[in-house]
Amino acid sequence: MCLTSVPPRTPRGACEVLLHDAHGTLVGQVVFRVCAPCRTGRVLGIWITEARQREGLGQQALRAALARGRGHRWNTSLQSRPGRAFFAAVAATEGVPLTHGRPLCAHLLGPIGRVLHRLRL
């Protein structure tokens, strides 16, 4: 398994951790944002191809993302029922709370969220 970290394309853009198998096939991805000044991070999405689930790959990829913001406070976007169980398990092993909710700082809102935040909506 090969983990590749992709930096953001813009200063406030999302980062990615990509998982490729031995044949170079993409089998998973974590998309996240980190705000260094506020020391916060937000997991925007995670997926592992169905055939490779339950192998610990999601936790491995998420651990790599969390390392980009070591010591930061983290949260996630909306979680499905299986997602809640997954994030709770990762939080327990990594010692980092991973609850869902609004971003922990305005910098992680994304372009539309920043406009709404400025308008106080």
C-alpha atoms as a PDB file:
ATOM      1  CA  MET A   1       0.000   0.000   0.000  1.00  0.00           C
ATOM      2  CA  CYS A   2       1.315   3.431  -0.914  1.00  0.00           C
ATOM      3  CA  LEU A   3       0.176   6.571   0.918  1.00  0.00           C
ATOM      4  CA  THR A   4       0.595   9.857  -0.907  1.00  0.00           C
ATOM      5  CA  SER A   5       0.012  13.231   0.720  1.00  0.00           C
ATOM      6  CA  VAL A   6      -1.236  15.920  -1.669  1.00  0.00           C
ATOM      7  CA  PRO A   7      -0.854  19.517  -0.425  1.00  0.00           C
ATOM      8  CA  PRO A   8      -3.584  22.088  -1.023  1.00  0.00           C
ATOM      9  CA  ARG A   9      -3.640  23.754  -4.451  1.00  0.00           C
ATOM     10  CA  THR A  10      -4.550  27.103  -2.887  1.00  0.00           C
ATOM     11  CA  PRO A  11      -3.663  28.581   0.521  1.00  0.00           C
ATOM     12  CA  ARG A  12      -7.076  27.697   1.984  1.00  0.00           C
ATOM     13  CA  GLY A  13      -7.651  24.627  -0.137  1.00  0.00           C
ATOM     14  CA  ALA A  14      -8.133  21.038   0.880  1.00  0.00           C
ATOM     15  CA  CYS A  15      -5.331  18.527   1.363  1.00  0.00           C
ATOM     16  CA  GLU A  16      -5.600  14.878   0.417  1.00  0.00           C
ATOM     17  CA  VAL A  17      -4.147  11.562   1.455  1.00  0.00           C
ATOM     18  CA  LEU A  18      -4.386   9.020  -1.352  1.00  0.00           C
ATOM     19  CA  LEU A  19      -4.039   5.246  -0.963  1.00  0.00           C
ATOM     20  CA  HIS A  20      -2.845   3.194  -3.922  1.00  0.00           C
ATOM     21  CA  ASP A  21      -2.483  -0.569  -3.945  1.00  0.00           C
ATOM     22  CA  ALA A  22       0.552  -2.459  -5.257  1.00  0.00           C
ATOM     23  CA  HIS A  23      -0.778  -2.132  -8.833  1.00  0.00           C
ATOM     24  CA  GLY A  24      -1.152   1.662  -8.558  1.00  0.00           C
ATOM     25  CA  THR A  25      -4.938   1.542  -8.337  1.00  0.00           C
ATOM     26  CA  LEU A  26      -6.509   4.213  -6.150  1.00  0.00           C
ATOM     27  CA  VAL A  27      -8.287   2.411  -3.310  1.00  0.00           C
ATOM     28  CA  GLY A  28      -8.923   5.228  -0.844  1.00  0.00           C
ATOM     29  CA  GLN A  29      -8.803   8.930  -0.110  1.00  0.00           C
ATOM     30  CA  VAL A  30      -9.075  11.349   2.806  1.00  0.00           C
ATOM     31  CA  VAL A  31      -9.855  15.008   2.057  1.00  0.00           C
ATOM     32  CA  PHE A  32      -9.238  17.513   4.840  1.00  0.00           C
ATOM     33  CA  ARG A  33      -8.328  21.094   5.669  1.00  0.00           C
ATOM     34  CA  VAL A  34      -5.908  22.358   8.305  1.00  0.00           C
ATOM     35  CA  CYS A  35      -5.754  25.867   9.767  1.00  0.00           C
ATOM     36  CA  ALA A  36      -2.309  26.385  11.290  1.00  0.00           C
ATOM     37  CA  PRO A  37      -3.029  29.790  12.923  1.00  0.00           C
ATOM     38  CA  CYS A  38      -6.116  28.435  14.740  1.00  0.00           C
ATOM     39  CA  ARG A  39      -4.596  24.949  15.227  1.00  0.00           C
ATOM     40  CA  THR A  40      -7.719  23.251  13.907  1.00  0.00           C
ATOM     41  CA  GLY A  41      -8.437  20.606  11.299  1.00  0.00           C
ATOM     42  CA  ARG A  42     -11.529  19.312   9.558  1.00  0.00           C
ATOM     43  CA  VAL A  43     -12.052  15.995   7.778  1.00  0.00           C
ATOM     44  CA  LEU A  44     -14.200  16.741   4.738  1.00  0.00           C
ATOM     45  CA  GLY A  45     -14.490  13.224   3.385  1.00  0.00           C
ATOM     46  CA  ILE A  46     -13.053   9.743   3.462  1.00  0.00           C
ATOM     47  CA  TRP A  47     -13.664   6.698   1.319  1.00  0.00           C
ATOM     48  CA  ILE A  48     -12.152   3.273   0.840  1.00  0.00           C
ATOM     49  CA  THR A  49     -13.202   1.142  -2.101  1.00  0.00           C
ATOM     50  CA  GLU A  50     -15.728  -1.438  -0.939  1.00  0.00           C
ATOM     51  CA  ALA A  51     -13.501  -4.402  -1.781  1.00  0.00           C
ATOM     52  CA  ARG A  52     -10.761  -3.086   0.558  1.00  0.00           C
ATOM     53  CA  GLN A  53     -12.879  -2.041   3.547  1.00  0.00           C
ATOM     54  CA  ARG A  54     -12.309  -3.592   6.982  1.00  0.00           C
ATOM     55  CA  GLU A  55      -8.534  -3.834   6.378  1.00  0.00           C
ATOM     56  CA  GLY A  56      -7.548  -0.822   8.479  1.00  0.00           C
ATOM     57  CA  LEU A  57      -6.806   1.304   5.415  1.00  0.00           C
ATOM     58  CA  GLY A  58      -9.207   4.075   6.421  1.00  0.00           C
ATOM     59  CA  GLN A  59      -7.575   4.384   9.819  1.00  0.00           C
ATOM     60  CA  GLN A  60      -4.122   4.362   8.219  1.00  0.00           C
ATOM     61  CA  ALA A  61      -5.083   7.150   5.788  1.00  0.00           C
ATOM     62  CA  LEU A  62      -6.807   9.181   8.487  1.00  0.00           C
ATOM     63  CA  ARG A  63      -3.783   8.822  10.763  1.00  0.00           C
ATOM     64  CA  ALA A  64      -1.644  10.323   7.980  1.00  0.00           C
ATOM     65  CA  ALA A  65      -4.077  13.251   7.668  1.00  0.00           C
ATOM     66  CA  LEU A  66      -4.106  13.847  11.430  1.00  0.00           C
ATOM     67  CA  ALA A  67      -0.307  13.939  11.393  1.00  0.00           C
ATOM     68  CA  ARG A  68      -0.499  17.061   9.200  1.00  0.00           C
ATOM     69  CA  GLY A  69      -2.181  18.813  12.130  1.00  0.00           C
ATOM     70  CA  ARG A  70      -0.571  17.160  15.136  1.00  0.00           C
ATOM     71  CA  GLY A  71      -1.809  18.799  18.326  1.00  0.00           C
ATOM     72  CA  HIS A  72      -4.708  20.472  16.512  1.00  0.00           C
ATOM     73  CA  ARG A  73      -8.392  20.213  17.442  1.00  0.00           C
ATOM     74  CA  TRP A  74     -10.239  18.210  14.764  1.00  0.00           C
ATOM     75  CA  ASN A  75     -13.799  17.655  13.661  1.00  0.00           C
ATOM     76  CA  THR A  76     -15.579  16.206  10.647  1.00  0.00           C
ATOM     77  CA  SER A  77     -18.379  17.001   8.283  1.00  0.00           C
ATOM     78  CA  LEU A  78     -21.674  15.129   8.705  1.00  0.00           C
ATOM     79  CA  GLN A  79     -21.173  11.454   9.556  1.00  0.00           C
ATOM     80  CA  SER A  80     -23.241   8.457   8.524  1.00  0.00           C
ATOM     81  CA  ARG A  81     -24.061   5.780  11.099  1.00  0.00           C
ATOM     82  CA  PRO A  82     -21.097   3.592   9.989  1.00  0.00           C
ATOM     83  CA  GLY A  83     -18.992   6.768   9.844  1.00  0.00           C
ATOM     84  CA  ARG A  84     -19.777   7.608  13.472  1.00  0.00           C
ATOM     85  CA  ALA A  85     -18.552   4.165  14.552  1.00  0.00           C
ATOM     86  CA  PHE A  86     -15.423   4.508  12.403  1.00  0.00           C
ATOM     87  CA  PHE A  87     -14.556   7.987  13.700  1.00  0.00           C
ATOM     88  CA  ALA A  88     -15.220   6.917  17.309  1.00  0.00           C
ATOM     89  CA  ALA A  89     -12.828   3.966  16.890  1.00  0.00           C
ATOM     90  CA  VAL A  90     -10.131   6.158  15.334  1.00  0.00           C
ATOM     91  CA  ALA A  91     -10.612   8.795  18.031  1.00  0.00           C
ATOM     92  CA  ALA A  92     -10.138   6.140  20.708  1.00  0.00           C
ATOM     93  CA  THR A  93      -6.912   4.787  19.209  1.00  0.00           C
ATOM     94  CA  GLU A  94      -5.445   8.145  18.163  1.00  0.00           C
ATOM     95  CA  GLY A  95      -6.574  10.149  21.203  1.00  0.00           C
ATOM     96  CA  VAL A  96      -8.095  12.875  19.007  1.00  0.00           C
ATOM     97  CA  PRO A  97     -11.819  13.698  19.257  1.00  0.00           C
ATOM     98  CA  LEU A  98     -13.440  13.438  15.804  1.00  0.00           C
ATOM     99  CA  THR A  99     -17.013  14.597  16.276  1.00  0.00           C
ATOM    100  CA  HIS A 100     -19.053  16.195  13.512  1.00  0.00           C
ATOM    101  CA  GLY A 101     -20.253  19.752  13.515  1.00  0.00           C
ATOM    102  CA  ARG A 102     -19.477  23.204  12.229  1.00  0.00           C
ATOM    103  CA  PRO A 103     -15.807  23.879  11.458  1.00  0.00           C
ATOM    104  CA  LEU A 104     -13.804  24.835  14.514  1.00  0.00           C
ATOM    105  CA  CYS A 105     -12.694  28.089  12.895  1.00  0.00           C
ATOM    106  CA  ALA A 106     -13.989  30.345  10.109  1.00  0.00           C
ATOM    107  CA  HIS A 107     -10.923  29.608   7.950  1.00  0.00           C
ATOM    108  CA  LEU A 108     -12.119  26.030   7.385  1.00  0.00           C
ATOM    109  CA  LEU A 109     -15.562  26.948   6.102  1.00  0.00           C
ATOM    110  CA  GLY A 110     -14.672  26.914   2.414  1.00  0.00           C
ATOM    111  CA  PRO A 111     -15.591  29.676  -0.059  1.00  0.00           C
ATOM    112  CA  ILE A 112     -19.379  29.498   0.307  1.00  0.00           C
ATOM    113  CA  GLY A 113     -19.195  29.093   4.069  1.00  0.00           C
ATOM    114  CA  ARG A 114     -16.907  32.116   4.370  1.00  0.00           C
ATOM    115  CA  VAL A 115     -19.420  34.275   2.494  1.00  0.00           C
ATOM    116  CA  LEU A 116     -22.256  33.037   4.722  1.00  0.00           C
ATOM    117  CA  HIS A 117     -20.111  33.590   7.808  1.00  0.00           C
ATOM    118  CA  ARG A 118     -19.396  37.201   6.762  1.00  0.00           C
ATOM    119  CA  LEU A 119     -23.110  37.716   6.254  1.00  0.00           C
ATOM    120  CA  ARG A 120     -23.712  36.160   9.689  1.00  0.00           C
ATOM    121  CA  LEU A 121     -25.973  33.428   8.255  1.00  0.00           C
END
